Amino acid sequence: MRRVLTLSFALAVLALVAIPASAQDITGTWVLSVDLGPAGGGDATFVFEQEGTTLTGTYSGTLGDDIELNGTVEDGELRFTFDSQAGEIIFYGTVDGNTMEGDCIYGQLGDGVFDGSKSG
């Protein structure tokens, strides 16, 4: 009996250690500053919902309000997209705690960079 308990305890500890970094949940409201160089830029608000590695949510900013987005987040790396009148918008970068940064493609408006943090 003692062996079974010891083995069960050891397996439980290993399971906790094996939780991947992607266990970070970015669910919530984020404000990201976008810089598109000569095409301009500004702040955008994203409301993310994360289930496992799947990311859904909305974008609100210069291109419209409450535009649905989809993406993934895993091991500190994220990618999400949405459609707008400027074409397909793509964000890809890294998330670390309550901050994220990376690159973006704003359809016809061109390429840029972003950074920001979680609100609240």
PDB file of N, CA and C in Angstrom:
ATOM      1  N   MET A   1       0.822  -1.185   0.000  1.00  0.00           N
ATOM      2  CA  MET A   1       0.000   0.000   0.000  1.00  0.00           C
ATOM      3  C   MET A   1       0.875   1.261   0.000  1.00  0.00           C
ATOM      4  N   ARG A   2       1.937   1.216   0.820  1.00  0.00           N
ATOM      5  CA  ARG A   2       2.835   2.361   0.903  1.00  0.00           C
ATOM      6  C   ARG A   2       3.485   2.623  -0.461  1.00  0.00           C
ATOM      7  N   ARG A   3       3.850   1.572  -1.178  1.00  0.00           N
ATOM      8  CA  ARG A   3       4.457   1.706  -2.497  1.00  0.00           C
ATOM      9  C   ARG A   3       3.497   2.367  -3.484  1.00  0.00           C
ATOM     10  N   VAL A   4       2.250   1.992  -3.429  1.00  0.00           N
ATOM     11  CA  VAL A   4       1.241   2.562  -4.318  1.00  0.00           C
ATOM     12  C   VAL A   4       1.069   4.055  -4.038  1.00  0.00           C
ATOM     13  N   LEU A   5       1.015   4.434  -2.757  1.00  0.00           N
ATOM     14  CA  LEU A   5       0.885   5.845  -2.399  1.00  0.00           C
ATOM     15  C   LEU A   5       2.107   6.644  -2.840  1.00  0.00           C
ATOM     16  N   THR A   6       3.302   6.078  -2.628  1.00  0.00           N
ATOM     17  CA  THR A   6       4.530   6.762  -3.030  1.00  0.00           C
ATOM     18  C   THR A   6       4.569   6.947  -4.545  1.00  0.00           C
ATOM     19  N   LEU A   7       4.208   5.910  -5.281  1.00  0.00           N
ATOM     20  CA  LEU A   7       4.180   5.987  -6.740  1.00  0.00           C
ATOM     21  C   LEU A   7       3.126   6.983  -7.207  1.00  0.00           C
ATOM     22  N   SER A   8       1.969   6.979  -6.586  1.00  0.00           N
ATOM     23  CA  SER A   8       0.912   7.933  -6.945  1.00  0.00           C
ATOM     24  C   SER A   8       1.369   9.364  -6.699  1.00  0.00           C
ATOM     25  N   PHE A   9       2.023   9.608  -5.589  1.00  0.00           N
ATOM     26  CA  PHE A   9       2.530  10.944  -5.269  1.00  0.00           C
ATOM     27  C   PHE A   9       3.577  11.383  -6.296  1.00  0.00           C
ATOM     28  N   ALA A  10       4.480  10.486  -6.634  1.00  0.00           N
ATOM     29  CA  ALA A  10       5.535  10.798  -7.608  1.00  0.00           C
ATOM     30  C   ALA A  10       4.932  11.131  -8.978  1.00  0.00           C
ATOM     31  N   LEU A  11       3.941  10.375  -9.391  1.00  0.00           N
ATOM     32  CA  LEU A  11       3.287  10.642 -10.676  1.00  0.00           C
ATOM     33  C   LEU A  11       2.545  11.968 -10.656  1.00  0.00           C
ATOM     34  N   ALA A  12       1.927  12.303  -9.543  1.00  0.00           N
ATOM     35  CA  ALA A  12       1.225  13.585  -9.432  1.00  0.00           C
ATOM     36  C   ALA A  12       2.206  14.748  -9.539  1.00  0.00           C
ATOM     37  N   VAL A  13       3.363  14.636  -8.882  1.00  0.00           N
ATOM     38  CA  VAL A  13       4.377  15.691  -8.965  1.00  0.00           C
ATOM     39  C   VAL A  13       4.888  15.821 -10.391  1.00  0.00           C
ATOM     40  N   LEU A  14       5.153  14.711 -11.064  1.00  0.00           N
ATOM     41  CA  LEU A  14       5.613  14.756 -12.455  1.00  0.00           C
ATOM     42  C   LEU A  14       4.567  15.392 -13.365  1.00  0.00           C
ATOM     43  N   ALA A  15       3.316  15.107 -13.130  1.00  0.00           N
ATOM     44  CA  ALA A  15       2.252  15.701 -13.946  1.00  0.00           C
ATOM     45  C   ALA A  15       2.227  17.213 -13.787  1.00  0.00           C
ATOM     46  N   LEU A  16       2.430  17.712 -12.589  1.00  0.00           N
ATOM     47  CA  LEU A  16       2.454  19.160 -12.363  1.00  0.00           C
ATOM     48  C   LEU A  16       3.657  19.809 -13.028  1.00  0.00           C
ATOM     49  N   VAL A  17       4.806  19.148 -12.969  1.00  0.00           N
ATOM     50  CA  VAL A  17       6.018  19.683 -13.582  1.00  0.00           C
ATOM     51  C   VAL A  17       5.883  19.697 -15.107  1.00  0.00           C
ATOM     52  N   ALA A  18       5.130  18.772 -15.647  1.00  0.00           N
ATOM     53  CA  ALA A  18       5.009  18.635 -17.099  1.00  0.00           C
ATOM     54  C   ALA A  18       4.005  19.594 -17.716  1.00  0.00           C
ATOM     55  N   ILE A  19       3.344  20.439 -16.922  1.00  0.00           N
ATOM     56  CA  ILE A  19       2.395  21.399 -17.482  1.00  0.00           C
ATOM     57  C   ILE A  19       3.163  22.359 -18.369  1.00  0.00           C
ATOM     58  N   PRO A  20       2.797  22.477 -19.642  1.00  0.00           N
ATOM     59  CA  PRO A  20       3.549  23.314 -20.559  1.00  0.00           C
ATOM     60  C   PRO A  20       3.340  24.798 -20.288  1.00  0.00           C
ATOM     61  N   ALA A  21       4.259  25.615 -20.837  1.00  0.00           N
ATOM     62  CA  ALA A  21       4.156  27.068 -20.695  1.00  0.00           C
ATOM     63  C   ALA A  21       2.891  27.598 -21.345  1.00  0.00           C
ATOM     64  N   SER A  22       2.335  26.836 -22.302  1.00  0.00           N
ATOM     65  CA  SER A  22       1.128  27.287 -22.984  1.00  0.00           C
ATOM     66  C   SER A  22      -0.080  27.285 -22.057  1.00  0.00           C
ATOM     67  N   ALA A  23       0.105  26.812 -20.825  1.00  0.00           N
ATOM     68  CA  ALA A  23      -0.991  26.820 -19.873  1.00  0.00           C
ATOM     69  C   ALA A  23      -1.373  28.240 -19.485  1.00  0.00           C
ATOM     70  N   GLN A  24      -0.546  29.226 -19.847  1.00  0.00           N
ATOM     71  CA  GLN A  24      -0.881  30.620 -19.567  1.00  0.00           C
ATOM     72  C   GLN A  24      -2.142  30.978 -20.331  1.00  0.00           C
ATOM     73  N   ASP A  25      -3.095  31.538 -19.630  1.00  0.00           N
ATOM     74  CA  ASP A  25      -4.375  31.921 -20.234  1.00  0.00           C
ATOM     75  C   ASP A  25      -4.377  33.426 -20.467  1.00  0.00           C
ATOM     76  N   ILE A  26      -4.544  33.861 -21.728  1.00  0.00           N
ATOM     77  CA  ILE A  26      -4.541  35.293 -22.022  1.00  0.00           C
ATOM     78  C   ILE A  26      -5.958  35.867 -22.109  1.00  0.00           C
ATOM     79  N   THR A  27      -6.943  35.094 -21.670  1.00  0.00           N
ATOM     80  CA  THR A  27      -8.325  35.569 -21.671  1.00  0.00           C
ATOM     81  C   THR A  27      -8.412  36.931 -20.989  1.00  0.00           C
ATOM     82  N   GLY A  28      -9.131  37.857 -21.635  1.00  0.00           N
ATOM     83  CA  GLY A  28      -9.316  39.183 -21.060  1.00  0.00           C
ATOM     84  C   GLY A  28      -9.169  40.269 -22.104  1.00  0.00           C
ATOM     85  N   THR A  29      -9.120  41.500 -21.623  1.00  0.00           N
ATOM     86  CA  THR A  29      -9.024  42.670 -22.490  1.00  0.00           C
ATOM     87  C   THR A  29      -7.580  43.154 -22.562  1.00  0.00           C
ATOM     88  N   TRP A  30      -7.097  43.370 -23.764  1.00  0.00           N
ATOM     89  CA  TRP A  30      -5.741  43.829 -24.018  1.00  0.00           C
ATOM     90  C   TRP A  30      -5.791  45.094 -24.873  1.00  0.00           C
ATOM     91  N   VAL A  31      -4.911  46.028 -24.600  1.00  0.00           N
ATOM     92  CA  VAL A  31      -4.761  47.217 -25.436  1.00  0.00           C
ATOM     93  C   VAL A  31      -3.384  47.126 -26.096  1.00  0.00           C
ATOM     94  N   LEU A  32      -3.392  47.081 -27.425  1.00  0.00           N
ATOM     95  CA  LEU A  32      -2.155  46.951 -28.185  1.00  0.00           C
ATOM     96  C   LEU A  32      -1.929  48.197 -29.031  1.00  0.00           C
ATOM     97  N   SER A  33      -0.721  48.718 -29.001  1.00  0.00           N
ATOM     98  CA  SER A  33      -0.330  49.845 -29.838  1.00  0.00           C
ATOM     99  C   SER A  33       0.264  49.294 -31.129  1.00  0.00           C
ATOM    100  N   VAL A  34      -0.274  49.749 -32.247  1.00  0.00           N
ATOM    101  CA  VAL A  34       0.150  49.271 -33.559  1.00  0.00           C
ATOM    102  C   VAL A  34       0.880  50.404 -34.272  1.00  0.00           C
ATOM    103  N   ASP A  35       2.052  50.103 -34.857  1.00  0.00           N
ATOM    104  CA  ASP A  35       2.817  51.079 -35.624  1.00  0.00           C
ATOM    105  C   ASP A  35       3.006  50.525 -37.031  1.00  0.00           C
ATOM    106  N   LEU A  36       2.382  51.190 -38.014  1.00  0.00           N
ATOM    107  CA  LEU A  36       2.471  50.776 -39.412  1.00  0.00           C
ATOM    108  C   LEU A  36       3.399  51.689 -40.211  1.00  0.00           C
ATOM    109  N   GLY A  37       4.279  52.391 -39.516  1.00  0.00           N
ATOM    110  CA  GLY A  37       5.206  53.289 -40.203  1.00  0.00           C
ATOM    111  C   GLY A  37       4.454  54.409 -40.907  1.00  0.00           C
ATOM    112  N   PRO A  38       4.743  54.648 -42.206  1.00  0.00           N
ATOM    113  CA  PRO A  38       4.104  55.736 -42.944  1.00  0.00           C
ATOM    114  C   PRO A  38       2.574  55.620 -43.030  1.00  0.00           C
ATOM    115  N   ALA A  39       2.045  54.408 -42.879  1.00  0.00           N
ATOM    116  CA  ALA A  39       0.587  54.214 -42.961  1.00  0.00           C
ATOM    117  C   ALA A  39      -0.122  54.608 -41.667  1.00  0.00           C
ATOM    118  N   GLY A  40       0.653  54.946 -40.633  1.00  0.00           N
ATOM    119  CA  GLY A  40       0.050  55.379 -39.375  1.00  0.00           C
ATOM    120  C   GLY A  40       0.048  54.303 -38.316  1.00  0.00           C
ATOM    121  N   GLY A  41      -0.908  54.397 -37.431  1.00  0.00           N
ATOM    122  CA  GLY A  41      -1.004  53.441 -36.336  1.00  0.00           C
ATOM    123  C   GLY A  41      -1.963  53.954 -35.286  1.00  0.00           C
ATOM    124  N   GLY A  42      -1.944  53.310 -34.164  1.00  0.00           N
ATOM    125  CA  GLY A  42      -2.818  53.699 -33.071  1.00  0.00           C
ATOM    126  C   GLY A  42      -3.043  52.543 -32.129  1.00  0.00           C
ATOM    127  N   ASP A  43      -3.912  52.757 -31.173  1.00  0.00           N
ATOM    128  CA  ASP A  43      -4.236  51.720 -30.197  1.00  0.00           C
ATOM    129  C   ASP A  43      -5.471  50.948 -30.630  1.00  0.00           C
ATOM    130  N   ALA A  44      -5.458  49.656 -30.359  1.00  0.00           N
ATOM    131  CA  ALA A  44      -6.601  48.788 -30.628  1.00  0.00           C
ATOM    132  C   ALA A  44      -6.901  47.986 -29.369  1.00  0.00           C
ATOM    133  N   THR A  45      -8.169  47.707 -29.159  1.00  0.00           N
ATOM    134  CA  THR A  45      -8.590  46.912 -28.004  1.00  0.00           C
ATOM    135  C   THR A  45      -9.002  45.525 -28.476  1.00  0.00           C
ATOM    136  N   PHE A  46      -8.444  44.522 -27.837  1.00  0.00           N
ATOM    137  CA  PHE A  46      -8.751  43.127 -28.150  1.00  0.00           C
ATOM    138  C   PHE A  46      -9.343  42.477 -26.909  1.00  0.00           C
ATOM    139  N   VAL A  47     -10.410  41.750 -27.095  1.00  0.00           N
ATOM    140  CA  VAL A  47     -10.993  40.959 -26.022  1.00  0.00           C
ATOM    141  C   VAL A  47     -10.816  39.496 -26.430  1.00  0.00           C
ATOM    142  N   PHE A  48      -9.937  38.792 -25.712  1.00  0.00           N
ATOM    143  CA  PHE A  48      -9.601  37.412 -26.038  1.00  0.00           C
ATOM    144  C   PHE A  48     -10.323  36.437 -25.123  1.00  0.00           C
ATOM    145  N   GLU A  49     -10.649  35.294 -25.699  1.00  0.00           N
ATOM    146  CA  GLU A  49     -11.171  34.141 -24.961  1.00  0.00           C
ATOM    147  C   GLU A  49     -10.309  32.967 -25.385  1.00  0.00           C
ATOM    148  N   GLN A  50      -9.676  32.304 -24.422  1.00  0.00           N
ATOM    149  CA  GLN A  50      -8.787  31.193 -24.726  1.00  0.00           C
ATOM    150  C   GLN A  50      -9.330  29.903 -24.140  1.00  0.00           C
ATOM    151  N   GLU A  51      -9.343  28.876 -24.975  1.00  0.00           N
ATOM    152  CA  GLU A  51      -9.700  27.531 -24.527  1.00  0.00           C
ATOM    153  C   GLU A  51      -8.631  26.595 -25.059  1.00  0.00           C
ATOM    154  N   GLY A  52      -7.782  26.109 -24.162  1.00  0.00           N
ATOM    155  CA  GLY A  52      -6.626  25.325 -24.600  1.00  0.00           C
ATOM    156  C   GLY A  52      -5.691  26.226 -25.379  1.00  0.00           C
ATOM    157  N   THR A  53      -5.374  25.835 -26.607  1.00  0.00           N
ATOM    158  CA  THR A  53      -4.519  26.666 -27.456  1.00  0.00           C
ATOM    159  C   THR A  53      -5.338  27.503 -28.441  1.00  0.00           C
ATOM    160  N   THR A  54      -6.659  27.345 -28.422  1.00  0.00           N
ATOM    161  CA  THR A  54      -7.532  28.061 -29.351  1.00  0.00           C
ATOM    162  C   THR A  54      -7.884  29.436 -28.809  1.00  0.00           C
ATOM    163  N   LEU A  55      -7.752  30.431 -29.675  1.00  0.00           N
ATOM    164  CA  LEU A  55      -8.007  31.818 -29.309  1.00  0.00           C
ATOM    165  C   LEU A  55      -9.150  32.364 -30.159  1.00  0.00           C
ATOM    166  N   THR A  56     -10.139  32.967 -29.516  1.00  0.00           N
ATOM    167  CA  THR A  56     -11.225  33.665 -30.200  1.00  0.00           C
ATOM    168  C   THR A  56     -11.390  35.013 -29.516  1.00  0.00           C
ATOM    169  N   GLY A  57     -12.157  35.898 -30.128  1.00  0.00           N
ATOM    170  CA  GLY A  57     -12.386  37.179 -29.493  1.00  0.00           C
ATOM    171  C   GLY A  57     -12.808  38.240 -30.473  1.00  0.00           C
ATOM    172  N   THR A  58     -12.566  39.500 -30.092  1.00  0.00           N
ATOM    173  CA  THR A  58     -12.951  40.626 -30.928  1.00  0.00           C
ATOM    174  C   THR A  58     -11.855  41.683 -30.958  1.00  0.00           C
ATOM    175  N   TYR A  59     -11.860  42.430 -32.056  1.00  0.00           N
ATOM    176  CA  TYR A  59     -11.002  43.596 -32.259  1.00  0.00           C
ATOM    177  C   TYR A  59     -11.885  44.828 -32.315  1.00  0.00           C
ATOM    178  N   SER A  60     -11.444  45.908 -31.677  1.00  0.00           N
ATOM    179  CA  SER A  60     -12.093  47.215 -31.815  1.00  0.00           C
ATOM    180  C   SER A  60     -10.994  48.256 -31.983  1.00  0.00           C
ATOM    181  N   GLY A  61     -11.106  49.018 -33.069  1.00  0.00           N
ATOM    182  CA  GLY A  61     -10.101  50.036 -33.346  1.00  0.00           C
ATOM    183  C   GLY A  61     -10.457  50.791 -34.609  1.00  0.00           C
ATOM    184  N   THR A  62      -9.453  51.323 -35.275  1.00  0.00           N
ATOM    185  CA  THR A  62      -9.623  52.132 -36.468  1.00  0.00           C
ATOM    186  C   THR A  62     -10.404  51.418 -37.566  1.00  0.00           C
ATOM    187  N   LEU A  63     -10.263  50.114 -37.661  1.00  0.00           N
ATOM    188  CA  LEU A  63     -10.891  49.349 -38.740  1.00  0.00           C
ATOM    189  C   LEU A  63     -12.314  48.908 -38.432  1.00  0.00           C
ATOM    190  N   GLY A  64     -12.807  49.183 -37.233  1.00  0.00           N
ATOM    191  CA  GLY A  64     -14.166  48.790 -36.873  1.00  0.00           C
ATOM    192  C   GLY A  64     -14.255  48.339 -35.432  1.00  0.00           C
ATOM    193  N   ASP A  65     -15.477  48.044 -35.021  1.00  0.00           N
ATOM    194  CA  ASP A  65     -15.716  47.614 -33.644  1.00  0.00           C
ATOM    195  C   ASP A  65     -16.254  46.187 -33.598  1.00  0.00           C
ATOM    196  N   ASP A  66     -15.808  45.458 -32.599  1.00  0.00           N
ATOM    197  CA  ASP A  66     -16.285  44.095 -32.335  1.00  0.00           C
ATOM    198  C   ASP A  66     -16.165  43.169 -33.541  1.00  0.00           C
ATOM    199  N   ILE A  67     -15.029  43.248 -34.241  1.00  0.00           N
ATOM    200  CA  ILE A  67     -14.751  42.359 -35.370  1.00  0.00           C
ATOM    201  C   ILE A  67     -14.221  41.046 -34.806  1.00  0.00           C
ATOM    202  N   GLU A  68     -14.832  39.937 -35.206  1.00  0.00           N
ATOM    203  CA  GLU A  68     -14.440  38.628 -34.677  1.00  0.00           C
ATOM    204  C   GLU A  68     -13.052  38.230 -35.168  1.00  0.00           C
ATOM    205  N   LEU A  69     -12.275  37.611 -34.263  1.00  0.00           N
ATOM    206  CA  LEU A  69     -10.941  37.125 -34.596  1.00  0.00           C
ATOM    207  C   LEU A  69     -10.794  35.686 -34.150  1.00  0.00           C
ATOM    208  N   ASN A  70      -9.825  35.004 -34.751  1.00  0.00           N
ATOM    209  CA  ASN A  70      -9.503  33.621 -34.414  1.00  0.00           C
ATOM    210  C   ASN A  70      -8.000  33.449 -34.428  1.00  0.00           C
ATOM    211  N   GLY A  71      -7.507  32.526 -33.602  1.00  0.00           N
ATOM    212  CA  GLY A  71      -6.080  32.274 -33.607  1.00  0.00           C
ATOM    213  C   GLY A  71      -5.678  31.164 -32.669  1.00  0.00           C
ATOM    214  N   THR A  72      -4.380  31.154 -32.367  1.00  0.00           N
ATOM    215  CA  THR A  72      -3.820  30.158 -31.463  1.00  0.00           C
ATOM    216  C   THR A  72      -2.792  30.817 -30.549  1.00  0.00           C
ATOM    217  N   VAL A  73      -2.595  30.215 -29.409  1.00  0.00           N
ATOM    218  CA  VAL A  73      -1.531  30.623 -28.489  1.00  0.00           C
ATOM    219  C   VAL A  73      -0.961  29.343 -27.877  1.00  0.00           C
ATOM    220  N   GLU A  74       0.370  29.216 -27.976  1.00  0.00           N
ATOM    221  CA  GLU A  74       1.011  28.014 -27.462  1.00  0.00           C
ATOM    222  C   GLU A  74       2.475  28.313 -27.155  1.00  0.00           C
ATOM    223  N   ASP A  75       2.917  27.875 -26.002  1.00  0.00           N
ATOM    224  CA  ASP A  75       4.309  28.042 -25.571  1.00  0.00           C
ATOM    225  C   ASP A  75       4.782  29.485 -25.690  1.00  0.00           C
ATOM    226  N   GLY A  76       3.921  30.428 -25.329  1.00  0.00           N
ATOM    227  CA  GLY A  76       4.291  31.828 -25.334  1.00  0.00           C
ATOM    228  C   GLY A  76       4.245  32.508 -26.685  1.00  0.00           C
ATOM    229  N   GLU A  77       3.862  31.772 -27.728  1.00  0.00           N
ATOM    230  CA  GLU A  77       3.752  32.349 -29.064  1.00  0.00           C
ATOM    231  C   GLU A  77       2.286  32.400 -29.471  1.00  0.00           C
ATOM    232  N   LEU A  78       1.902  33.492 -30.139  1.00  0.00           N
ATOM    233  CA  LEU A  78       0.515  33.618 -30.543  1.00  0.00           C
ATOM    234  C   LEU A  78       0.418  34.089 -31.983  1.00  0.00           C
ATOM    235  N   ARG A  79      -0.722  33.767 -32.574  1.00  0.00           N
ATOM    236  CA  ARG A  79      -1.050  34.202 -33.930  1.00  0.00           C
ATOM    237  C   ARG A  79      -2.560  34.324 -33.987  1.00  0.00           C
ATOM    238  N   PHE A  80      -3.048  35.468 -34.468  1.00  0.00           N
ATOM    239  CA  PHE A  80      -4.489  35.615 -34.643  1.00  0.00           C
ATOM    240  C   PHE A  80      -4.763  36.493 -35.849  1.00  0.00           C
ATOM    241  N   THR A  81      -5.947  36.306 -36.433  1.00  0.00           N
ATOM    242  CA  THR A  81      -6.314  37.003 -37.661  1.00  0.00           C
ATOM    243  C   THR A  81      -7.767  37.458 -37.596  1.00  0.00           C
ATOM    244  N   PHE A  82      -8.061  38.490 -38.403  1.00  0.00           N
ATOM    245  CA  PHE A  82      -9.438  38.900 -38.622  1.00  0.00           C
ATOM    246  C   PHE A  82      -9.519  39.595 -39.978  1.00  0.00           C
ATOM    247  N   ASP A  83     -10.712  39.676 -40.512  1.00  0.00           N
ATOM    248  CA  ASP A  83     -10.940  40.312 -41.806  1.00  0.00           C
ATOM    249  C   ASP A  83     -11.490  41.715 -41.602  1.00  0.00           C
ATOM    250  N   SER A  84     -11.070  42.639 -42.477  1.00  0.00           N
ATOM    251  CA  SER A  84     -11.540  44.018 -42.415  1.00  0.00           C
ATOM    252  C   SER A  84     -11.622  44.583 -43.828  1.00  0.00           C
ATOM    253  N   GLN A  85     -12.061  45.835 -43.931  1.00  0.00           N
ATOM    254  CA  GLN A  85     -12.133  46.475 -45.240  1.00  0.00           C
ATOM    255  C   GLN A  85     -10.744  46.663 -45.846  1.00  0.00           C
ATOM    256  N   ALA A  86      -9.679  46.588 -45.038  1.00  0.00           N
ATOM    257  CA  ALA A  86      -8.308  46.690 -45.530  1.00  0.00           C
ATOM    258  C   ALA A  86      -7.756  45.336 -45.963  1.00  0.00           C
ATOM    259  N   GLY A  87      -8.528  44.265 -45.776  1.00  0.00           N
ATOM    260  CA  GLY A  87      -8.081  42.912 -46.106  1.00  0.00           C
ATOM    261  C   GLY A  87      -7.863  42.098 -44.845  1.00  0.00           C
ATOM    262  N   GLU A  88      -7.169  40.981 -44.987  1.00  0.00           N
ATOM    263  CA  GLU A  88      -6.894  40.125 -43.836  1.00  0.00           C
ATOM    264  C   GLU A  88      -5.825  40.770 -42.954  1.00  0.00           C
ATOM    265  N   ILE A  89      -6.085  40.807 -41.662  1.00  0.00           N
ATOM    266  CA  ILE A  89      -5.160  41.365 -40.678  1.00  0.00           C
ATOM    267  C   ILE A  89      -4.572  40.197 -39.890  1.00  0.00           C
ATOM    268  N   ILE A  90      -3.245  40.170 -39.777  1.00  0.00           N
ATOM    269  CA  ILE A  90      -2.555  39.065 -39.108  1.00  0.00           C
ATOM    270  C   ILE A  90      -1.628  39.621 -38.037  1.00  0.00           C
ATOM    271  N   PHE A  91      -1.745  39.102 -36.824  1.00  0.00           N
ATOM    272  CA  PHE A  91      -0.842  39.427 -35.727  1.00  0.00           C
ATOM    273  C   PHE A  91      -0.096  38.150 -35.354  1.00  0.00           C
ATOM    274  N   TYR A  92       1.211  38.248 -35.150  1.00  0.00           N
ATOM    275  CA  TYR A  92       1.975  37.109 -34.653  1.00  0.00           C
ATOM    276  C   TYR A  92       3.106  37.638 -33.782  1.00  0.00           C
ATOM    277  N   GLY A  93       3.296  36.977 -32.641  1.00  0.00           N
ATOM    278  CA  GLY A  93       4.304  37.451 -31.711  1.00  0.00           C
ATOM    279  C   GLY A  93       4.386  36.588 -30.479  1.00  0.00           C
ATOM    280  N   THR A  94       4.794  37.217 -29.383  1.00  0.00           N
ATOM    281  CA  THR A  94       4.986  36.496 -28.130  1.00  0.00           C
ATOM    282  C   THR A  94       4.201  37.161 -27.012  1.00  0.00           C
ATOM    283  N   VAL A  95       3.852  36.353 -26.044  1.00  0.00           N
ATOM    284  CA  VAL A  95       3.169  36.847 -24.856  1.00  0.00           C
ATOM    285  C   VAL A  95       3.967  36.385 -23.639  1.00  0.00           C
ATOM    286  N   ASP A  96       4.169  37.305 -22.704  1.00  0.00           N
ATOM    287  CA  ASP A  96       4.906  37.005 -21.489  1.00  0.00           C
ATOM    288  C   ASP A  96       4.178  37.672 -20.327  1.00  0.00           C
ATOM    289  N   GLY A  97       3.450  36.885 -19.567  1.00  0.00           N
ATOM    290  CA  GLY A  97       2.669  37.439 -18.469  1.00  0.00           C
ATOM    291  C   GLY A  97       1.565  38.341 -18.994  1.00  0.00           C
ATOM    292  N   ASN A  98       1.607  39.616 -18.614  1.00  0.00           N
ATOM    293  CA  ASN A  98       0.577  40.564 -19.037  1.00  0.00           C
ATOM    294  C   ASN A  98       1.026  41.487 -20.162  1.00  0.00           C
ATOM    295  N   THR A  99       2.076  41.089 -20.902  1.00  0.00           N
ATOM    296  CA  THR A  99       2.537  41.881 -22.037  1.00  0.00           C
ATOM    297  C   THR A  99       2.668  41.004 -23.277  1.00  0.00           C
ATOM    298  N   MET A 100       2.496  41.631 -24.436  1.00  0.00           N
ATOM    299  CA  MET A 100       2.735  40.929 -25.694  1.00  0.00           C
ATOM    300  C   MET A 100       3.337  41.894 -26.696  1.00  0.00           C
ATOM    301  N   GLU A 101       4.062  41.326 -27.667  1.00  0.00           N
ATOM    302  CA  GLU A 101       4.675  42.127 -28.715  1.00  0.00           C
ATOM    303  C   GLU A 101       4.900  41.254 -29.935  1.00  0.00           C
ATOM    304  N   GLY A 102       5.036  41.912 -31.079  1.00  0.00           N
ATOM    305  CA  GLY A 102       5.301  41.148 -32.281  1.00  0.00           C
ATOM    306  C   GLY A 102       5.126  41.966 -33.539  1.00  0.00           C
ATOM    307  N   ASP A 103       4.826  41.268 -34.609  1.00  0.00           N
ATOM    308  CA  ASP A 103       4.659  41.852 -35.929  1.00  0.00           C
ATOM    309  C   ASP A 103       3.218  41.700 -36.379  1.00  0.00           C
ATOM    310  N   CYS A 104       2.820  42.557 -37.310  1.00  0.00           N
ATOM    311  CA  CYS A 104       1.470  42.470 -37.842  1.00  0.00           C
ATOM    312  C   CYS A 104       1.469  42.828 -39.323  1.00  0.00           C
ATOM    313  N   ILE A 105       0.493  42.285 -40.013  1.00  0.00           N
ATOM    314  CA  ILE A 105       0.262  42.584 -41.425  1.00  0.00           C
ATOM    315  C   ILE A 105      -1.149  43.126 -41.506  1.00  0.00           C
ATOM    316  N   TYR A 106      -1.285  44.377 -41.919  1.00  0.00           N
ATOM    317  CA  TYR A 106      -2.575  45.047 -41.957  1.00  0.00           C
ATOM    318  C   TYR A 106      -3.101  45.138 -43.382  1.00  0.00           C
ATOM    319  N   GLY A 107      -3.214  43.988 -44.035  1.00  0.00           N
ATOM    320  CA  GLY A 107      -3.780  43.946 -45.376  1.00  0.00           C
ATOM    321  C   GLY A 107      -3.137  44.970 -46.296  1.00  0.00           C
ATOM    322  N   GLN A 108      -3.958  45.779 -46.966  1.00  0.00           N
ATOM    323  CA  GLN A 108      -3.499  46.790 -47.913  1.00  0.00           C
ATOM    324  C   GLN A 108      -2.706  47.913 -47.255  1.00  0.00           C
ATOM    325  N   LEU A 109      -2.817  48.049 -45.945  1.00  0.00           N
ATOM    326  CA  LEU A 109      -2.123  49.131 -45.247  1.00  0.00           C
ATOM    327  C   LEU A 109      -0.646  48.831 -45.009  1.00  0.00           C
ATOM    328  N   GLY A 110      -0.251  47.572 -45.103  1.00  0.00           N
ATOM    329  CA  GLY A 110       1.151  47.202 -44.960  1.00  0.00           C
ATOM    330  C   GLY A 110       1.489  46.510 -43.662  1.00  0.00           C
ATOM    331  N   ASP A 111       2.800  46.347 -43.471  1.00  0.00           N
ATOM    332  CA  ASP A 111       3.322  45.627 -42.323  1.00  0.00           C
ATOM    333  C   ASP A 111       3.677  46.583 -41.188  1.00  0.00           C
ATOM    334  N   GLY A 112       3.702  46.025 -39.979  1.00  0.00           N
ATOM    335  CA  GLY A 112       4.057  46.846 -38.835  1.00  0.00           C
ATOM    336  C   GLY A 112       4.449  46.017 -37.635  1.00  0.00           C
ATOM    337  N   VAL A 113       4.473  46.674 -36.508  1.00  0.00           N
ATOM    338  CA  VAL A 113       4.803  46.034 -35.233  1.00  0.00           C
ATOM    339  C   VAL A 113       3.753  46.429 -34.208  1.00  0.00           C
ATOM    340  N   PHE A 114       3.669  45.631 -33.145  1.00  0.00           N
ATOM    341  CA  PHE A 114       2.721  45.948 -32.068  1.00  0.00           C
ATOM    342  C   PHE A 114       3.337  45.582 -30.726  1.00  0.00           C
ATOM    343  N   ASP A 115       2.835  46.243 -29.703  1.00  0.00           N
ATOM    344  CA  ASP A 115       3.134  45.845 -28.323  1.00  0.00           C
ATOM    345  C   ASP A 115       2.007  46.371 -27.453  1.00  0.00           C
ATOM    346  N   GLY A 116       1.867  45.757 -26.303  1.00  0.00           N
ATOM    347  CA  GLY A 116       0.791  46.195 -25.412  1.00  0.00           C
ATOM    348  C   GLY A 116       0.686  45.330 -24.183  1.00  0.00           C
ATOM    349  N   SER A 117      -0.379  45.575 -23.443  1.00  0.00           N
ATOM    350  CA  SER A 117      -0.545  44.866 -22.174  1.00  0.00           C
ATOM    351  C   SER A 117      -2.015  44.585 -21.892  1.00  0.00           C
ATOM    352  N   LYS A 118      -2.199  43.700 -20.938  1.00  0.00           N
ATOM    353  CA  LYS A 118      -3.530  43.316 -20.497  1.00  0.00           C
ATOM    354  C   LYS A 118      -4.089  44.405 -19.599  1.00  0.00           C
ATOM    355  N   SER A 119      -5.349  44.750 -19.812  1.00  0.00           N
ATOM    356  CA  SER A 119      -6.002  45.767 -18.987  1.00  0.00           C
ATOM    357  C   SER A 119      -6.573  45.133 -17.730  1.00  0.00           C
ATOM    358  N   GLY A 120      -6.544  45.892 -16.657  1.00  0.00           N
ATOM    359  CA  GLY A 120      -7.173  45.435 -15.419  1.00  0.00           C
ATOM    360  C   GLY A 120      -6.348  44.538 -14.671  1.00  0.00           C
TER     361      GLY A 120
END
